[in-house]
């Protein structure tokens, strides 16, 4: 039997997610396409692509980013005014 563990929100987790969104916006503005998991990790100081993956899924669940599973470079931030509608 497998159990999925979830952690409550922490200030560090919230700050890390915010840093990923800021990095994502800046990268897309500078390059015209979304970054890879490794590029995001490098940009926000995370060595594990699995950590980046989990953060991105959390951000998608929160409605802060969109992406298509299994497709490269489809990651997009949601416009700030659309978040929390």
Protein backbone atom coordinates (compact mmCIF):
# COMPACT_ATOMS: atom_id res chain seq x y z
CA UNK A 1 0.00 0.00 0.00
CA UNK A 2 1.44 3.35 -1.10
CA UNK A 3 0.75 6.60 0.68
CA UNK A 4 1.39 10.01 -0.83
CA UNK A 5 2.81 12.40 1.74
CA UNK A 6 1.98 16.06 1.47
CA UNK A 7 3.72 18.82 3.33
CA UNK A 8 1.94 21.89 4.60
CA UNK A 9 2.82 25.24 3.08
CA UNK A 10 5.93 26.80 4.53
CA UNK A 11 7.48 30.18 3.99
CA UNK A 12 10.45 28.52 2.32
CA UNK A 13 8.18 26.52 -0.01
CA UNK A 14 6.15 29.59 -0.91
CA UNK A 15 9.32 31.61 -1.56
CA UNK A 16 10.75 28.83 -3.74
CA UNK A 17 7.57 28.61 -5.82
CA UNK A 18 7.53 32.39 -6.21
CA UNK A 19 11.19 32.32 -7.30
CA UNK A 20 10.35 29.71 -9.95
CA UNK A 21 7.54 31.87 -11.36
CA UNK A 22 9.79 34.96 -11.44
CA UNK A 23 12.56 32.95 -13.15
CA UNK A 24 10.08 31.53 -15.65
CA UNK A 25 8.74 34.96 -16.62
CA UNK A 26 12.24 36.39 -17.01
CA UNK A 27 13.54 33.41 -19.01
CA UNK A 28 10.63 33.49 -21.45
CA UNK A 29 10.99 37.25 -21.87
CA UNK A 30 14.73 36.92 -22.57
CA UNK A 31 14.65 33.80 -24.76
CA UNK A 32 11.17 33.60 -26.25
CA UNK A 33 10.57 30.02 -25.06
CA UNK A 34 10.17 28.27 -21.73
CA UNK A 35 13.14 26.82 -19.82
CA UNK A 36 13.93 23.16 -19.28
CA UNK A 37 13.70 21.60 -15.81
CA UNK A 38 17.49 21.78 -15.51
CA UNK A 39 17.53 25.44 -16.51
CA UNK A 40 14.88 26.23 -13.90
CA UNK A 41 16.79 24.30 -11.24
CA UNK A 42 20.00 26.08 -12.10
CA UNK A 43 18.25 29.45 -12.12
CA UNK A 44 16.70 29.06 -8.66
CA UNK A 45 19.39 26.97 -6.95
CA UNK A 46 17.83 23.50 -7.05
CA UNK A 47 20.04 20.58 -8.05
CA UNK A 48 17.22 18.04 -8.38
CA UNK A 49 15.00 18.07 -11.46
CA UNK A 50 12.51 16.04 -9.39
CA UNK A 51 12.21 18.97 -6.97
CA UNK A 52 11.58 21.32 -9.91
CA UNK A 53 9.00 18.88 -11.28
CA UNK A 54 7.12 18.80 -7.96
CA UNK A 55 7.17 22.59 -7.68
CA UNK A 56 5.82 22.98 -11.22
CA UNK A 57 2.98 20.57 -10.53
CA UNK A 58 2.14 22.45 -7.35
CA UNK A 59 2.18 25.75 -9.26
CA UNK A 60 -0.12 24.23 -11.90
CA UNK A 61 -2.47 22.96 -9.18
CA UNK A 62 -2.49 26.49 -7.73
CA UNK A 63 -3.32 27.94 -11.17
CA UNK A 64 -0.05 29.89 -11.44
CA UNK A 65 1.43 28.07 -14.47
CA UNK A 66 0.23 25.88 -17.32
CA UNK A 67 2.02 23.14 -19.23
CA UNK A 68 1.32 19.97 -21.17
CA UNK A 69 2.61 16.76 -19.59
CA UNK A 70 5.08 14.98 -21.82
CA UNK A 71 5.72 17.97 -24.09
CA UNK A 72 8.93 19.98 -23.99
CA UNK A 73 8.94 23.70 -23.33
CA UNK A 74 5.18 24.20 -23.00
CA UNK A 75 5.48 25.83 -19.57
CA UNK A 76 3.80 29.24 -19.32
CA UNK A 77 3.00 31.47 -16.35
CA UNK A 78 -0.63 32.45 -15.91
CA UNK A 79 -1.24 36.18 -16.18
CA UNK A 80 -1.21 37.68 -12.69
CA UNK A 81 -4.72 39.08 -12.99
CA UNK A 82 -6.07 35.60 -13.89
CA UNK A 83 -4.68 33.94 -10.75
CA UNK A 84 -7.32 33.42 -8.08
CA UNK A 85 -10.35 34.11 -10.23
